[in-house]
Protein backbone atom coordinates (compact mmCIF):
# COMPACT_ATOMS: atom_id res chain seq x y z
CA MET A 1 -3.35 -5.89 -18.15
CA GLY A 2 -3.40 -4.97 -14.66
CA LYS A 3 -0.98 -2.25 -12.70
CA ILE A 4 0.54 -2.96 -9.11
CA ILE A 5 0.85 0.14 -7.28
CA ALA A 6 2.90 -0.09 -4.01
CA ILE A 7 1.91 2.67 -0.76
CA ALA A 8 5.01 3.20 0.77
CA ASN A 9 6.57 6.28 3.49
CA GLN A 10 9.24 5.63 5.55
CA LYS A 11 7.48 7.06 8.35
CA GLY A 12 5.28 5.10 10.45
CA GLY A 13 1.61 6.09 11.54
CA VAL A 14 0.64 8.18 8.13
CA GLY A 15 -1.81 5.38 6.84
CA LYS A 16 -0.76 2.70 5.21
CA THR A 17 -2.17 -0.46 6.12
CA THR A 18 -5.05 1.43 6.60
CA THR A 19 -5.15 2.85 2.73
CA SER A 20 -3.35 -0.70 1.35
CA VAL A 21 -6.94 -2.15 3.17
CA ASN A 22 -9.15 0.01 2.13
CA LEU A 23 -8.44 1.19 -1.39
CA ALA A 24 -8.47 -2.75 -1.86
CA ALA A 25 -11.70 -3.20 -0.80
CA CYS A 26 -13.81 -0.52 -2.45
CA LEU A 27 -11.16 -0.98 -5.70
CA GLY A 28 -12.98 -4.19 -4.90
CA VAL A 29 -16.42 -3.16 -4.33
CA LEU A 30 -16.22 -1.57 -7.86
CA GLU A 31 -15.74 -4.59 -9.55
CA LYS A 32 -12.18 -4.51 -10.01
CA LYS A 33 -10.39 -8.12 -9.54
CA VAL A 34 -7.88 -7.25 -6.82
CA LEU A 35 -4.15 -8.60 -5.03
CA LEU A 36 -2.95 -6.69 -2.46
CA ILE A 37 0.23 -7.44 -1.14
CA ASP A 38 1.53 -7.48 2.21
CA ALA A 39 5.08 -6.81 2.31
CA ASP A 40 5.55 -5.30 5.89
CA PRO A 41 6.66 -8.04 8.80
CA GLN A 42 3.86 -6.61 10.78
CA ALA A 43 1.51 -8.19 8.91
CA ASN A 44 -1.32 -6.14 9.72
CA ALA A 45 -3.13 -5.51 6.19
CA THR A 46 -3.11 -9.75 6.87
CA SER A 47 -5.10 -9.42 9.80
CA GLY A 48 -7.08 -6.20 9.20
CA LEU A 49 -8.71 -8.42 6.20
CA GLY A 50 -9.44 -11.89 8.64
CA ILE A 51 -6.76 -13.74 8.46
CA ASP A 52 -4.61 -14.92 11.57
CA VAL A 53 -1.72 -13.77 11.55
CA GLU A 54 0.10 -17.11 12.93
CA THR A 55 -1.90 -19.91 10.11
CA VAL A 56 -0.04 -18.17 7.05
CA GLU A 57 2.24 -21.17 5.48
CA ILE A 58 3.30 -19.06 2.35
CA GLY A 59 3.42 -16.09 2.35
CA THR A 60 5.49 -13.06 1.32
CA TYR A 61 8.66 -14.63 2.82
CA GLN A 62 8.49 -17.33 0.28
CA LEU A 63 7.99 -14.81 -2.56
CA LEU A 64 10.86 -13.34 -1.85
CA GLU A 65 12.59 -16.24 -1.30
CA HIS A 66 11.55 -17.62 -4.62
CA SER A 67 10.54 -21.23 -2.75
CA SER A 68 6.53 -21.00 -3.30
CA LYS A 69 4.70 -19.25 -6.45
CA ALA A 70 2.99 -16.49 -6.16
CA GLU A 71 -0.15 -18.59 -6.57
CA GLU A 72 0.46 -21.02 -4.12
CA ALA A 73 0.74 -17.65 -1.95
CA ILE A 74 -2.52 -16.14 -2.67
CA ILE A 75 -5.45 -16.51 -0.43
CA LYS A 76 -9.41 -15.72 -1.53
CA THR A 77 -10.76 -12.45 1.60
CA GLU A 78 -14.33 -12.08 3.09
CA SER A 79 -14.35 -9.26 0.50
CA PRO A 80 -15.52 -9.30 -3.51
CA ASN A 81 -12.84 -9.99 -5.02
CA LEU A 82 -9.76 -9.45 -3.26
CA ASP A 83 -6.80 -11.53 -2.40
CA ILE A 84 -4.18 -10.99 -0.91
CA ILE A 85 -0.77 -12.59 -0.46
CA PRO A 86 -0.21 -12.91 3.06
CA ALA A 87 2.50 -11.90 5.51
CA HIS A 88 3.90 -13.27 8.85
CA ILE A 89 6.21 -12.16 11.09
CA ASP A 90 9.33 -14.45 9.27
CA LEU A 91 9.97 -11.62 7.08
CA VAL A 92 11.63 -9.01 9.57
CA ALA A 93 14.69 -12.55 8.29
CA ILE A 94 14.42 -11.61 4.64
CA GLU A 95 16.67 -8.18 4.23
CA ILE A 96 19.73 -10.15 5.75
CA GLU A 97 18.72 -13.30 3.58
CA LEU A 98 18.27 -11.79 0.42
CA VAL A 99 21.81 -9.48 1.27
CA ASP A 100 24.19 -11.72 -0.83
CA GLN A 101 21.44 -12.73 -3.67
CA GLU A 102 22.48 -11.39 -7.46
CA GLU A 103 19.97 -9.13 -8.14
CA ARG A 104 18.09 -8.92 -5.09
CA GLU A 105 15.90 -5.82 -5.71
CA TYR A 106 14.27 -8.00 -8.35
CA MET A 107 13.18 -10.74 -6.26
CA LEU A 108 9.86 -9.50 -5.52
CA LYS A 109 9.22 -8.61 -9.85
CA LYS A 110 10.16 -11.22 -10.81
CA ALA A 111 7.88 -13.37 -8.26
CA ILE A 112 5.21 -11.87 -9.21
CA GLU A 113 5.28 -10.33 -12.68
CA HIS A 114 3.06 -12.02 -14.74
CA LEU A 115 -0.10 -11.34 -12.29
CA LYS A 116 -0.58 -7.66 -13.94
CA ASP A 117 -2.57 -10.51 -15.94
CA GLN A 118 -5.08 -11.83 -14.08
CA TYR A 119 -6.08 -8.89 -11.57
CA ASP A 120 -7.32 -5.30 -12.81
CA TYR A 121 -4.68 -3.27 -9.58
CA VAL A 122 -1.96 -5.44 -7.25
CA LEU A 123 -1.80 -3.12 -4.49
CA ILE A 124 1.69 -3.48 -2.12
CA ASP A 125 0.79 -2.05 1.73
CA CYS A 126 5.42 -1.46 2.07
CA ALA A 127 6.91 -1.52 5.62
CA PRO A 128 7.61 1.27 7.25
CA SER A 129 11.62 1.32 5.65
CA LEU A 130 13.43 2.18 3.17
CA GLY A 131 15.09 -0.76 3.28
CA LEU A 132 15.19 -3.62 1.04
CA LEU A 133 11.58 -5.21 1.51
CA THR A 134 10.54 -1.49 0.28
CA LEU A 135 13.02 -1.30 -3.13
CA ASN A 136 11.89 -4.67 -4.26
CA ALA A 137 8.09 -3.44 -3.83
CA LEU A 138 9.73 0.07 -5.64
CA THR A 139 11.29 -2.31 -8.29
CA ALA A 140 8.00 -4.05 -9.03
CA ALA A 141 5.42 -1.56 -8.54
CA ASP A 142 4.85 1.30 -12.10
CA SER A 143 3.63 3.47 -10.09
CA VAL A 144 3.59 4.45 -5.84
CA ILE A 145 0.89 6.23 -3.53
CA ILE A 146 2.29 8.18 -0.47
CA PRO A 147 0.14 8.73 2.43
CA ILE A 148 1.10 12.48 4.12
CA GLN A 149 -0.66 12.25 7.80
CA CYS A 150 -1.62 15.91 8.05
CA GLU A 151 0.10 16.30 11.00
CA TYR A 152 3.70 18.60 12.21
CA PHE A 153 6.31 16.29 10.84
CA ALA A 154 4.65 15.09 7.57
CA LEU A 155 7.20 16.40 5.54
CA GLU A 156 10.19 15.75 7.13
CA GLY A 157 11.30 12.62 5.28
CA LEU A 158 9.40 12.98 2.43
CA GLY A 159 12.53 14.50 0.14
CA LYS A 160 14.50 11.40 1.16
CA LEU A 161 11.69 9.13 0.18
CA LEU A 162 10.91 10.52 -2.58
CA ASN A 163 14.65 10.89 -3.09
CA THR A 164 14.86 6.50 -2.88
CA ILE A 165 12.16 6.67 -6.11
CA LYS A 166 14.65 9.14 -7.88
CA SER A 167 17.31 6.49 -7.84
CA VAL A 168 14.84 3.68 -7.30
CA GLN A 169 13.89 5.50 -11.09
CA LYS A 170 17.34 5.82 -12.07
CA ILE A 171 18.72 2.09 -11.48
CA HIS A 172 16.44 -0.36 -11.08
CA ASN A 173 13.18 0.82 -12.27
CA LYS A 174 12.50 3.90 -14.88
CA ASN A 175 9.10 3.40 -15.72
CA LEU A 176 7.82 3.77 -12.11
CA ASP A 177 5.29 6.42 -12.11
CA ILE A 178 4.11 8.56 -8.24
CA GLU A 179 0.56 7.77 -8.70
CA GLY A 180 0.01 10.23 -5.66
CA LEU A 181 0.24 11.93 -2.85
CA LEU A 182 -2.27 11.18 -0.68
CA LEU A 183 -3.16 13.14 2.52
CA THR A 184 -4.59 11.74 6.45
CA MET A 185 -5.86 12.06 8.74
CA TYR A 186 -7.15 15.34 8.84
CA ASP A 187 -8.43 16.79 11.59
CA SER A 188 -10.58 20.23 9.25
CA ARG A 189 -11.22 21.93 13.07
CA LEU A 190 -6.80 22.19 13.60
CA ARG A 191 -4.94 24.38 12.13
CA LEU A 192 -1.91 22.76 11.65
CA SER A 193 -3.83 20.00 9.53
CA ASN A 194 -5.36 22.76 7.40
CA GLN A 195 -1.86 24.36 6.45
CA VAL A 196 -0.34 20.75 6.28
CA VAL A 197 -2.75 20.43 3.17
CA GLU A 198 -2.15 24.00 1.80
CA GLU A 199 1.55 23.12 1.89
CA VAL A 200 1.33 19.91 -0.29
CA GLN A 201 -0.76 21.24 -2.10
CA LYS A 202 1.33 24.50 -2.74
CA HIS A 203 4.79 22.14 -3.27
CA PHE A 204 3.49 19.71 -5.71
CA ASP A 205 -0.20 20.39 -6.96
CA GLU A 206 -0.48 17.83 -9.62
CA MET A 207 0.84 15.48 -7.53
CA VAL A 208 -1.83 15.21 -4.42
CA PHE A 209 -4.83 13.11 -4.75
CA LYS A 210 -8.03 15.45 -4.66
CA THR A 211 -9.38 13.17 -1.67
CA ILE A 212 -8.79 14.40 1.48
CA ILE A 213 -8.63 10.66 4.37
CA GLN A 214 -10.58 12.42 7.11
CA ARG A 215 -9.46 10.88 10.62
CA ASN A 216 -12.41 8.72 11.82
CA VAL A 217 -13.11 6.34 14.54
CA ARG A 218 -15.04 3.50 12.13
CA LEU A 219 -11.98 3.57 10.46
CA SER A 220 -9.35 2.97 13.06
CA GLU A 221 -11.84 0.54 14.72
CA ALA A 222 -12.60 -1.91 11.16
CA PRO A 223 -8.49 -4.14 11.80
CA SER A 224 -9.62 -4.70 15.09
CA TYR A 225 -12.68 -6.68 13.78
CA GLY A 226 -10.67 -8.14 10.51
CA GLU A 227 -12.72 -5.82 8.00
CA SER A 228 -12.12 -2.93 5.73
CA ILE A 229 -14.05 -0.04 6.56
CA ILE A 230 -16.53 -0.66 3.51
CA ASN A 231 -17.42 -4.13 5.10
CA TYR A 232 -17.55 -2.92 8.62
CA ASP A 233 -18.98 0.91 8.37
CA ALA A 234 -20.18 1.61 4.43
CA GLY A 235 -22.03 4.20 5.56
CA SER A 236 -19.16 6.17 7.72
CA LYS A 237 -17.03 9.09 6.60
CA GLY A 238 -13.83 6.62 6.52
CA ALA A 239 -15.98 4.66 3.42
CA SER A 240 -16.78 7.38 1.84
CA ASN A 241 -13.18 9.01 1.57
CA TYR A 242 -11.46 5.65 0.40
CA LEU A 243 -14.70 5.09 -2.05
CA SER A 244 -14.09 8.65 -3.62
CA LEU A 245 -10.10 7.87 -3.98
CA ALA A 246 -10.76 4.44 -5.68
CA HIS A 247 -12.31 5.89 -8.03
CA GLU A 248 -10.43 8.93 -8.53
CA ILE A 249 -8.04 5.75 -9.20
CA ILE A 250 -9.56 4.26 -11.32
CA LYS A 251 -10.55 7.50 -13.93
CA LYS A 252 -6.75 8.52 -12.90
CA ASN A 253 -5.95 5.08 -15.30
CA ILE A 254 -9.09 3.91 -17.80
């Protein structure tokens, strides 16, 4: 039985998509069968794995509409053991279209629940907002990874996200767990980076992953080649950080 993990934070630019793509690829390299679902209208996870967004005919939008089955949307990627359900810019419209639907928060859950039998891990790359798309992802997920940037405004908005998670637990998905808080974009030379790490570890203790994702040029270059960091430069600091995170998650879920 697989596990569905949403990667969420309503703040943009904290490393959600970078984490989704590279964690998925690293879990695949470690011989886990992985499905990545792109639930962000910007479709960066889709293009980051080398898929031309313009050619996407069936993706997350059709899944949420229930006009296509999940199996029809799955695309094999170049990365070992990694499949993706892509996104397209048309996903922008889904929030408006779902507003009047009954059980609108459960659309994704209904569409992907059965996939847990086919994959070890299903990762959902969420949009940078707390709208209906993210709500669908949190309702469908078993747990959530929250990337936190090691910068000044890091903790701003975290309380809001944790409150959203609490209300999802109360109303839509009582089994939703926090898989962990992931510190990203860490630069050991900056005092501020170190202060954020200390602050987060002090407040959240056991909830924080031991792995910290460091700032790494190769990590920001990889998506422009449509590759995960492990395919682009397996010897880079970014690749070793995400492999370490993948190991940590596998160990946690044994």
